[in-house]
Amino acid sequence: MRQLYIIILAIIIGTSSKAQTDLPAGMEPYTYDTTLKGGYRISFQVDDSLQYLYLKKNNLTITELSSTSRGMLHQNLGYVGADFTDYFVLVHSFGSGNPHHIELYKKSTGKNLLKDGAFWIDADEEKEFLLYSDNDVPGKDDKMVLFNVRTGQKRYFGYPNDVFDGPEVLNRIHISKLTDKQLVINYDTDKGSKTKVYNR
């Protein structure tokens, strides 16, 4: 009798795991980490013509995050760029060096805190700060935005002049260090990697 239970259990597990990996022709599993802090998750779903991302907690669907035509790359649909305690950044990458469009979602409501036209630079998940641009291709008069996710406060910092020596300005800037008094960035130029320190 015990052997019969083991055989039935093996059949159920095998069928269940096969169902999870069987996707429509031409589709790949959504491979990005979709587990978020606080018990939230991002669910990938597909119908006849579209693919979707939904923000969920337990069995509750909070909001539809994005959708694209079936077969589009998953990074177009979006992936988690930073996971904060109560918020997360969804990044959309369209390749070829294009700036990465972002939304900053509040997990409990599914509301985006950023206006349309915000673009990824970097984030400090531990301190809960997001560095982004209001312009996809910034100019020398534009500013980077350092957003305190916990308080909602913004600080603006000018771009280093020599970061404009090459293309893909936003993709070449990274937070090196963030303290109560300073923002330190590393950025790539035609002459190599450089560092700039900003007082906060």
Protein backbone atom coordinates (compact mmCIF):
# COMPACT_ATOMS: atom_id res chain seq x y z
CA MET A 1 0.00 0.00 0.00
CA ARG A 2 2.83 2.40 0.88
CA GLN A 3 4.44 1.77 -2.53
CA LEU A 4 1.18 2.75 -4.22
CA TYR A 5 1.15 6.11 -2.37
CA ILE A 6 4.76 6.76 -3.39
CA ILE A 7 3.99 6.01 -7.04
CA ILE A 8 0.92 8.28 -7.03
CA LEU A 9 2.90 11.08 -5.36
CA ALA A 10 5.70 10.77 -7.93
CA ILE A 11 3.18 11.00 -10.80
CA ILE A 12 1.56 14.13 -9.28
CA ILE A 13 4.92 15.86 -8.72
CA GLY A 14 6.11 14.98 -12.23
CA THR A 15 2.92 16.26 -13.84
CA SER A 16 2.99 19.46 -11.76
CA SER A 17 6.61 20.30 -12.62
CA LYS A 18 5.97 19.62 -16.31
CA ALA A 19 2.97 21.97 -16.30
CA GLN A 20 5.11 24.77 -14.86
CA THR A 21 7.71 24.50 -17.61
CA ASP A 22 5.35 23.99 -20.58
CA LEU A 23 4.92 27.42 -22.19
CA PRO A 24 3.44 28.30 -25.57
CA ALA A 25 5.73 27.76 -28.56
CA GLY A 26 8.49 30.35 -28.77
CA MET A 27 8.13 31.49 -25.15
CA GLU A 28 10.87 31.32 -22.54
CA PRO A 29 10.33 31.29 -18.78
CA TYR A 30 10.48 34.73 -17.15
CA THR A 31 13.89 34.31 -15.57
CA TYR A 32 14.26 37.48 -13.50
CA ASP A 33 14.01 37.37 -9.72
CA THR A 34 10.36 38.14 -9.03
CA THR A 35 10.28 37.76 -5.25
CA LEU A 36 10.08 41.10 -3.44
CA LYS A 37 10.57 42.08 0.18
CA GLY A 38 7.47 42.06 2.36
CA GLY A 39 5.88 38.97 0.82
CA TYR A 40 5.19 40.59 -2.57
CA ARG A 41 5.96 39.03 -5.92
CA ILE A 42 5.76 39.72 -9.63
CA SER A 43 3.76 37.21 -11.67
CA PHE A 44 4.39 36.60 -15.38
CA GLN A 45 1.34 35.56 -17.43
CA VAL A 46 0.67 34.99 -21.12
CA ASP A 47 -2.49 34.89 -23.23
CA ASP A 48 -3.02 34.44 -26.97
CA SER A 49 -1.48 37.77 -27.99
CA LEU A 50 0.12 39.49 -24.96
CA GLN A 51 2.45 38.83 -22.03
CA TYR A 52 1.93 40.58 -18.69
CA LEU A 53 3.53 41.35 -15.35
CA TYR A 54 1.29 41.60 -12.27
CA LEU A 55 2.16 42.74 -8.75
CA LYS A 56 0.74 40.28 -6.23
CA LYS A 57 0.71 39.48 -2.55
CA ASN A 58 -0.49 36.02 -1.61
CA ASN A 59 -3.52 35.44 -3.86
CA LEU A 60 -4.34 39.16 -4.24
CA THR A 61 -3.51 40.90 -7.52
CA ILE A 62 -2.61 44.51 -6.68
CA THR A 63 -2.06 45.85 -10.20
CA GLU A 64 -0.98 45.08 -13.74
CA LEU A 65 2.56 46.45 -14.05
CA SER A 66 3.10 46.14 -17.78
CA SER A 67 2.23 44.25 -20.94
CA THR A 68 3.84 43.69 -24.33
CA SER A 69 3.16 41.59 -27.40
CA ARG A 70 4.01 37.93 -27.06
CA GLY A 71 7.54 37.16 -28.11
CA MET A 72 8.99 40.53 -27.06
CA LEU A 73 12.08 40.29 -24.88
CA HIS A 74 11.33 40.04 -21.18
CA GLN A 75 13.56 43.01 -20.36
CA ASN A 76 11.19 45.11 -22.52
CA LEU A 77 8.34 43.98 -20.29
CA GLY A 78 10.34 44.91 -17.19
CA TYR A 79 12.57 43.56 -14.45
CA VAL A 80 13.33 44.54 -10.86
CA GLY A 81 16.16 47.09 -10.71
CA ALA A 82 15.98 47.74 -6.97
CA ASP A 83 13.87 46.27 -4.19
CA PHE A 84 13.30 48.57 -1.22
CA THR A 85 11.24 47.88 1.91
CA ASP A 86 7.96 49.44 0.72
CA TYR A 87 8.78 50.24 -2.91
CA PHE A 88 10.53 48.71 -5.90
CA VAL A 89 11.93 49.93 -9.21
CA LEU A 90 10.69 48.29 -12.42
CA VAL A 91 13.17 48.81 -15.28
CA HIS A 92 12.40 48.47 -18.99
CA SER A 93 15.38 47.81 -21.25
CA PHE A 94 15.08 48.04 -25.02
CA GLY A 95 18.72 47.23 -25.81
CA SER A 96 21.16 48.89 -28.21
CA GLY A 97 22.34 51.26 -25.47
CA ASN A 98 18.95 52.92 -25.13
CA PRO A 99 18.22 54.55 -21.74
CA HIS A 100 16.26 52.31 -19.40
CA HIS A 101 12.82 53.68 -18.57
CA ILE A 102 11.73 53.15 -14.93
CA GLU A 103 8.78 53.27 -12.56
CA LEU A 104 8.98 53.38 -8.76
CA TYR A 105 6.02 51.40 -7.42
CA LYS A 106 4.61 51.43 -3.92
CA LYS A 107 4.08 47.76 -3.17
CA SER A 108 0.90 48.07 -1.11
CA THR A 109 -0.98 50.14 -3.71
CA GLY A 110 0.77 49.48 -7.03
CA LYS A 111 1.01 53.24 -7.65
CA ASN A 112 3.98 54.69 -9.54
CA LEU A 113 5.63 57.60 -7.68
CA LEU A 114 7.62 58.88 -10.66
CA LYS A 115 6.29 60.94 -13.53
CA ASP A 116 6.45 59.47 -17.01
CA GLY A 117 9.90 59.89 -18.44
CA ALA A 118 12.17 58.77 -15.60
CA PHE A 119 15.34 56.90 -16.56
CA TRP A 120 17.60 54.56 -14.60
CA ILE A 121 21.07 55.52 -13.42
CA ASP A 122 21.61 53.48 -10.21
CA ALA A 123 20.27 52.72 -6.73
CA ASP A 124 21.46 52.02 -3.19
CA GLU A 125 19.04 49.38 -1.92
CA GLU A 126 20.43 49.29 1.61
CA LYS A 127 20.09 53.04 2.20
CA GLU A 128 16.95 53.19 0.01
CA PHE A 129 18.02 55.84 -2.50
CA LEU A 130 17.35 55.95 -6.23
CA LEU A 131 19.52 57.92 -8.68
CA TYR A 132 17.72 58.69 -11.94
CA SER A 133 17.32 61.20 -14.77
CA ASP A 134 14.26 63.09 -15.97
CA ASN A 135 15.74 63.05 -19.48
CA ASP A 136 16.61 60.04 -21.59
CA VAL A 137 19.50 61.90 -23.22
CA PRO A 138 20.60 64.55 -20.71
CA GLY A 139 22.50 67.68 -21.65
CA LYS A 140 25.07 69.66 -19.71
CA ASP A 141 22.39 71.84 -18.10
CA ASP A 142 20.37 68.88 -16.83
CA LYS A 143 20.59 67.35 -13.35
CA MET A 144 20.65 63.87 -11.85
CA VAL A 145 17.93 63.25 -9.26
CA LEU A 146 18.83 61.56 -5.96
CA PHE A 147 15.52 60.37 -4.51
CA ASN A 148 15.19 59.33 -0.88
CA VAL A 149 12.66 56.52 -1.16
CA ARG A 150 11.82 56.58 2.57
CA THR A 151 11.11 60.31 2.83
CA GLY A 152 10.23 61.27 -0.74
CA GLN A 153 12.85 64.06 -0.75
CA LYS A 154 14.79 64.87 -3.91
CA ARG A 155 18.25 66.38 -4.36
CA TYR A 156 19.60 67.50 -7.71
CA PHE A 157 23.21 67.15 -8.87
CA GLY A 158 24.88 68.27 -12.09
CA TYR A 159 26.49 65.76 -14.41
CA PRO A 160 30.28 65.71 -14.68
CA ASN A 161 31.20 67.68 -17.81
CA ASP A 162 33.43 64.98 -19.26
CA VAL A 163 30.73 62.28 -19.07
CA PHE A 164 29.31 63.85 -22.25
CA ASP A 165 32.43 62.90 -24.23
CA GLY A 166 30.75 59.66 -25.32
CA PRO A 167 27.32 58.08 -25.90
CA GLU A 168 25.05 56.37 -23.38
CA VAL A 169 25.63 58.88 -20.59
CA LEU A 170 23.22 57.28 -18.11
CA ASN A 171 24.62 53.77 -18.61
CA ARG A 172 28.12 54.96 -17.65
CA ILE A 173 27.32 56.38 -14.18
CA HIS A 174 27.26 54.33 -10.96
CA ILE A 175 26.93 55.13 -7.28
CA SER A 176 30.26 54.41 -5.59
CA LYS A 177 29.43 55.62 -2.08
CA LEU A 178 26.51 57.33 -0.37
CA THR A 179 26.68 58.88 3.09
CA ASP A 180 24.72 61.53 4.99
CA LYS A 181 27.22 64.10 3.72
CA GLN A 182 28.32 62.89 0.29
CA LEU A 183 27.28 61.24 -2.95
CA VAL A 184 30.23 59.69 -4.76
CA ILE A 185 29.81 58.43 -8.32
CA ASN A 186 32.09 56.54 -10.70
CA TYR A 187 31.65 57.24 -14.38
CA ASP A 188 33.30 56.13 -17.60
CA THR A 189 34.84 58.56 -20.09
CA ASP A 190 36.89 58.16 -23.26
CA LYS A 191 39.96 58.57 -21.03
CA GLY A 192 38.97 55.92 -18.50
CA SER A 193 37.00 55.65 -15.28
CA LYS A 194 36.70 58.72 -13.05
CA THR A 195 35.18 59.64 -9.68
CA LYS A 196 33.20 62.72 -8.66
CA VAL A 197 32.24 63.71 -5.11
CA TYR A 198 29.12 65.79 -4.36
CA ASN A 199 28.29 67.33 -0.99
CA ARG A 200 24.76 66.62 0.14
